[in-house]
Amino acid sequence: MMGFGLYVLGAAVWAVWHGGVPQALTMGAVALLAPVANVAVAWMLYAFREGDANMRSVWLCSRNDAIDNVAVFMAALGVFGTGSAWPDLAVATLMATLALHGGWTVMRQARGELGEDSAKEDHHGHVH
């Protein structure tokens, strides 16, 4: 998740420097089709949102994908209405922030879980 967030943030910065307006119709079409799958998966995984780090990661990725789809559709409308790339760049920043926050949350939880597991081991590496 964090790698994706950094990539999106980097791509947004690159787009600011190199210009170019994304294709609003393509953005909108993808943003209308993708949420069906993403919302369905997020709904199925909702019960596992407080599970271990692996389940939490899957839940956060699915939730973020559903949010991203709505945001991309709004960006497509903004790009179409203004002819500017700025709505797309704003949404890219939102997506990157969600991915970085989700990745940080899962990493923190996983570290905690690893600490709990190692605390249960004796000095020979045996779990009690």
C-alpha atoms as a PDB file:
ATOM      1  CA  MET A   1       0.000   0.000   0.000  1.00  0.00           C
ATOM      2  CA  MET A   2       2.740   2.418   0.913  1.00  0.00           C
ATOM      3  CA  GLY A   3       4.564   1.718  -2.354  1.00  0.00           C
ATOM      4  CA  PHE A   4       1.373   2.447  -4.283  1.00  0.00           C
ATOM      5  CA  GLY A   5       0.896   5.665  -2.328  1.00  0.00           C
ATOM      6  CA  LEU A   6       4.429   6.824  -3.063  1.00  0.00           C
ATOM      7  CA  TYR A   7       4.025   5.930  -6.753  1.00  0.00           C
ATOM      8  CA  VAL A   8       0.760   7.891  -7.062  1.00  0.00           C
ATOM      9  CA  LEU A   9       2.267  10.874  -5.277  1.00  0.00           C
ATOM     10  CA  GLY A  10       5.326  10.755  -7.556  1.00  0.00           C
ATOM     11  CA  ALA A  11       3.156  10.471 -10.671  1.00  0.00           C
ATOM     12  CA  ALA A  12       1.113  13.482  -9.549  1.00  0.00           C
ATOM     13  CA  VAL A  13       4.249  15.571  -9.026  1.00  0.00           C
ATOM     14  CA  TRP A  14       5.563  14.474 -12.428  1.00  0.00           C
ATOM     15  CA  ALA A  15       2.238  15.437 -14.047  1.00  0.00           C
ATOM     16  CA  VAL A  16       2.400  18.908 -12.483  1.00  0.00           C
ATOM     17  CA  TRP A  17       5.837  19.526 -13.996  1.00  0.00           C
ATOM     18  CA  HIS A  18       5.169  17.958 -17.388  1.00  0.00           C
ATOM     19  CA  GLY A  19       1.577  19.059 -17.898  1.00  0.00           C
ATOM     20  CA  GLY A  20      -1.035  17.258 -19.897  1.00  0.00           C
ATOM     21  CA  VAL A  21      -4.700  16.785 -19.184  1.00  0.00           C
ATOM     22  CA  PRO A  22      -6.008  13.248 -18.594  1.00  0.00           C
ATOM     23  CA  GLN A  23      -8.822  11.800 -20.712  1.00  0.00           C
ATOM     24  CA  ALA A  24     -11.970  12.626 -18.731  1.00  0.00           C
ATOM     25  CA  LEU A  25     -14.186  10.133 -20.614  1.00  0.00           C
ATOM     26  CA  THR A  26     -11.788   7.236 -20.008  1.00  0.00           C
ATOM     27  CA  MET A  27     -11.440   8.191 -16.344  1.00  0.00           C
ATOM     28  CA  GLY A  28     -15.204   8.362 -15.965  1.00  0.00           C
ATOM     29  CA  ALA A  29     -15.876   5.036 -17.704  1.00  0.00           C
ATOM     30  CA  VAL A  30     -13.376   3.155 -15.544  1.00  0.00           C
ATOM     31  CA  ALA A  31     -14.619   4.927 -12.415  1.00  0.00           C
ATOM     32  CA  LEU A  32     -18.192   3.820 -13.179  1.00  0.00           C
ATOM     33  CA  LEU A  33     -17.340   0.168 -13.854  1.00  0.00           C
ATOM     34  CA  ALA A  34     -14.732  -0.579 -11.185  1.00  0.00           C
ATOM     35  CA  PRO A  35     -16.808   0.274  -8.081  1.00  0.00           C
ATOM     36  CA  VAL A  36     -19.163  -2.628  -8.646  1.00  0.00           C
ATOM     37  CA  ALA A  37     -16.379  -5.105  -7.875  1.00  0.00           C
ATOM     38  CA  ASN A  38     -14.624  -2.955  -5.278  1.00  0.00           C
ATOM     39  CA  VAL A  39     -17.738  -2.165  -3.246  1.00  0.00           C
ATOM     40  CA  ALA A  40     -18.827  -5.818  -3.345  1.00  0.00           C
ATOM     41  CA  VAL A  41     -15.436  -6.998  -2.053  1.00  0.00           C
ATOM     42  CA  ALA A  42     -15.272  -4.266   0.606  1.00  0.00           C
ATOM     43  CA  TRP A  43     -18.764  -5.259   1.779  1.00  0.00           C
ATOM     44  CA  MET A  44     -17.742  -8.929   2.065  1.00  0.00           C
ATOM     45  CA  LEU A  45     -14.573  -8.030   3.981  1.00  0.00           C
ATOM     46  CA  TYR A  46     -16.202  -5.513   6.339  1.00  0.00           C
ATOM     47  CA  ALA A  47     -16.536  -8.158   9.073  1.00  0.00           C
ATOM     48  CA  PHE A  48     -12.752  -8.688   9.019  1.00  0.00           C
ATOM     49  CA  ARG A  49     -11.736  -5.014   9.311  1.00  0.00           C
ATOM     50  CA  GLU A  50     -10.516  -5.513  12.892  1.00  0.00           C
ATOM     51  CA  GLY A  51      -8.706  -8.838  12.274  1.00  0.00           C
ATOM     52  CA  ASP A  52      -4.979  -9.491  12.208  1.00  0.00           C
ATOM     53  CA  ALA A  53      -2.640  -7.356  10.108  1.00  0.00           C
ATOM     54  CA  ASN A  54      -3.206  -9.448   6.976  1.00  0.00           C
ATOM     55  CA  MET A  55      -6.988  -9.217   7.142  1.00  0.00           C
ATOM     56  CA  ARG A  56      -6.847  -5.544   8.063  1.00  0.00           C
ATOM     57  CA  SER A  57      -4.605  -4.908   5.066  1.00  0.00           C
ATOM     58  CA  VAL A  58      -7.044  -6.645   2.700  1.00  0.00           C
ATOM     59  CA  TRP A  59      -9.966  -4.695   4.187  1.00  0.00           C
ATOM     60  CA  LEU A  60      -8.144  -1.351   3.932  1.00  0.00           C
ATOM     61  CA  CYS A  61      -7.092  -1.999   0.331  1.00  0.00           C
ATOM     62  CA  SER A  62     -10.664  -2.875  -0.651  1.00  0.00           C
ATOM     63  CA  ARG A  63     -12.109   0.099   1.206  1.00  0.00           C
ATOM     64  CA  ASN A  64      -9.540   2.433  -0.351  1.00  0.00           C
ATOM     65  CA  ASP A  65     -10.291   1.062  -3.827  1.00  0.00           C
ATOM     66  CA  ALA A  66     -14.000   1.809  -3.371  1.00  0.00           C
ATOM     67  CA  ILE A  67     -13.220   5.353  -2.144  1.00  0.00           C
ATOM     68  CA  ASP A  68     -10.738   5.821  -4.989  1.00  0.00           C
ATOM     69  CA  ASN A  69     -13.383   4.883  -7.575  1.00  0.00           C
ATOM     70  CA  VAL A  70     -15.765   7.548  -6.337  1.00  0.00           C
ATOM     71  CA  ALA A  71     -12.944  10.092  -6.169  1.00  0.00           C
ATOM     72  CA  VAL A  72     -11.751   9.270  -9.711  1.00  0.00           C
ATOM     73  CA  PHE A  73     -15.276   9.740 -11.040  1.00  0.00           C
ATOM     74  CA  MET A  74     -15.461  13.134  -9.325  1.00  0.00           C
ATOM     75  CA  ALA A  75     -12.044  14.008 -10.768  1.00  0.00           C
ATOM     76  CA  ALA A  76     -13.232  12.984 -14.239  1.00  0.00           C
ATOM     77  CA  LEU A  77     -16.177  15.352 -13.880  1.00  0.00           C
ATOM     78  CA  GLY A  78     -13.804  18.080 -12.719  1.00  0.00           C
ATOM     79  CA  VAL A  79     -11.383  17.511 -15.600  1.00  0.00           C
ATOM     80  CA  PHE A  80     -14.269  17.437 -18.099  1.00  0.00           C
ATOM     81  CA  GLY A  81     -15.801  20.605 -16.676  1.00  0.00           C
ATOM     82  CA  THR A  82     -12.611  22.623 -16.359  1.00  0.00           C
ATOM     83  CA  GLY A  83     -10.307  21.197 -19.031  1.00  0.00           C
ATOM     84  CA  SER A  84      -7.622  21.239 -16.348  1.00  0.00           C
ATOM     85  CA  ALA A  85      -5.585  18.449 -14.762  1.00  0.00           C
ATOM     86  CA  TRP A  86      -5.945  19.929 -11.262  1.00  0.00           C
ATOM     87  CA  PRO A  87      -9.019  17.898 -10.213  1.00  0.00           C
ATOM     88  CA  ASP A  88      -7.142  14.724 -11.170  1.00  0.00           C
ATOM     89  CA  LEU A  89      -4.057  15.847  -9.257  1.00  0.00           C
ATOM     90  CA  ALA A  90      -6.148  16.606  -6.166  1.00  0.00           C
ATOM     91  CA  VAL A  91      -7.659  13.113  -6.272  1.00  0.00           C
ATOM     92  CA  ALA A  92      -4.223  11.553  -6.830  1.00  0.00           C
ATOM     93  CA  THR A  93      -3.051  13.283  -3.660  1.00  0.00           C
ATOM     94  CA  LEU A  94      -6.087  11.941  -1.775  1.00  0.00           C
ATOM     95  CA  MET A  95      -5.442   8.418  -3.080  1.00  0.00           C
ATOM     96  CA  ALA A  96      -1.773   8.597  -2.130  1.00  0.00           C
ATOM     97  CA  THR A  97      -2.661   9.841   1.352  1.00  0.00           C
ATOM     98  CA  LEU A  98      -5.157   6.999   1.869  1.00  0.00           C
ATOM     99  CA  ALA A  99      -2.629   4.404   0.700  1.00  0.00           C
ATOM    100  CA  LEU A 100       0.183   5.793   2.847  1.00  0.00           C
ATOM    101  CA  HIS A 101      -2.052   6.022   5.925  1.00  0.00           C
ATOM    102  CA  GLY A 102      -3.406   2.499   5.383  1.00  0.00           C
ATOM    103  CA  GLY A 103       0.083   1.089   4.869  1.00  0.00           C
ATOM    104  CA  TRP A 104       1.361   2.823   7.997  1.00  0.00           C
ATOM    105  CA  THR A 105      -1.601   1.495  10.018  1.00  0.00           C
ATOM    106  CA  VAL A 106      -1.041  -2.096   8.873  1.00  0.00           C
ATOM    107  CA  MET A 107       2.712  -1.876   9.415  1.00  0.00           C
ATOM    108  CA  ARG A 108       2.203  -0.591  12.964  1.00  0.00           C
ATOM    109  CA  GLN A 109      -0.296  -3.369  13.703  1.00  0.00           C
ATOM    110  CA  ALA A 110       1.964  -6.045  12.206  1.00  0.00           C
ATOM    111  CA  ARG A 111       4.892  -4.835  14.297  1.00  0.00           C
ATOM    112  CA  GLY A 112       2.697  -5.088  17.379  1.00  0.00           C
ATOM    113  CA  GLU A 113       1.645  -8.604  16.446  1.00  0.00           C
ATOM    114  CA  LEU A 114       5.262  -9.612  15.840  1.00  0.00           C
ATOM    115  CA  GLY A 115       6.202  -8.171  19.229  1.00  0.00           C
ATOM    116  CA  GLU A 116       3.458 -10.215  20.911  1.00  0.00           C
ATOM    117  CA  ASP A 117       4.663 -13.393  19.199  1.00  0.00           C
ATOM    118  CA  SER A 118       8.301 -12.838  20.163  1.00  0.00           C
ATOM    119  CA  ALA A 119       7.305 -12.040  23.759  1.00  0.00           C
ATOM    120  CA  LYS A 120       5.783 -15.527  23.991  1.00  0.00           C
ATOM    121  CA  GLU A 121       9.078 -17.195  22.986  1.00  0.00           C
ATOM    122  CA  ASP A 122      11.784 -18.163  25.471  1.00  0.00           C
ATOM    123  CA  HIS A 123      15.478 -17.512  24.887  1.00  0.00           C
ATOM    124  CA  HIS A 124      15.701 -20.722  22.784  1.00  0.00           C
ATOM    125  CA  GLY A 125      12.997 -19.503  20.392  1.00  0.00           C
ATOM    126  CA  HIS A 126      10.353 -21.866  21.776  1.00  0.00           C
ATOM    127  CA  VAL A 127       6.816 -20.570  22.023  1.00  0.00           C
ATOM    128  CA  HIS A 128       5.028 -21.031  25.363  1.00  0.00           C
END
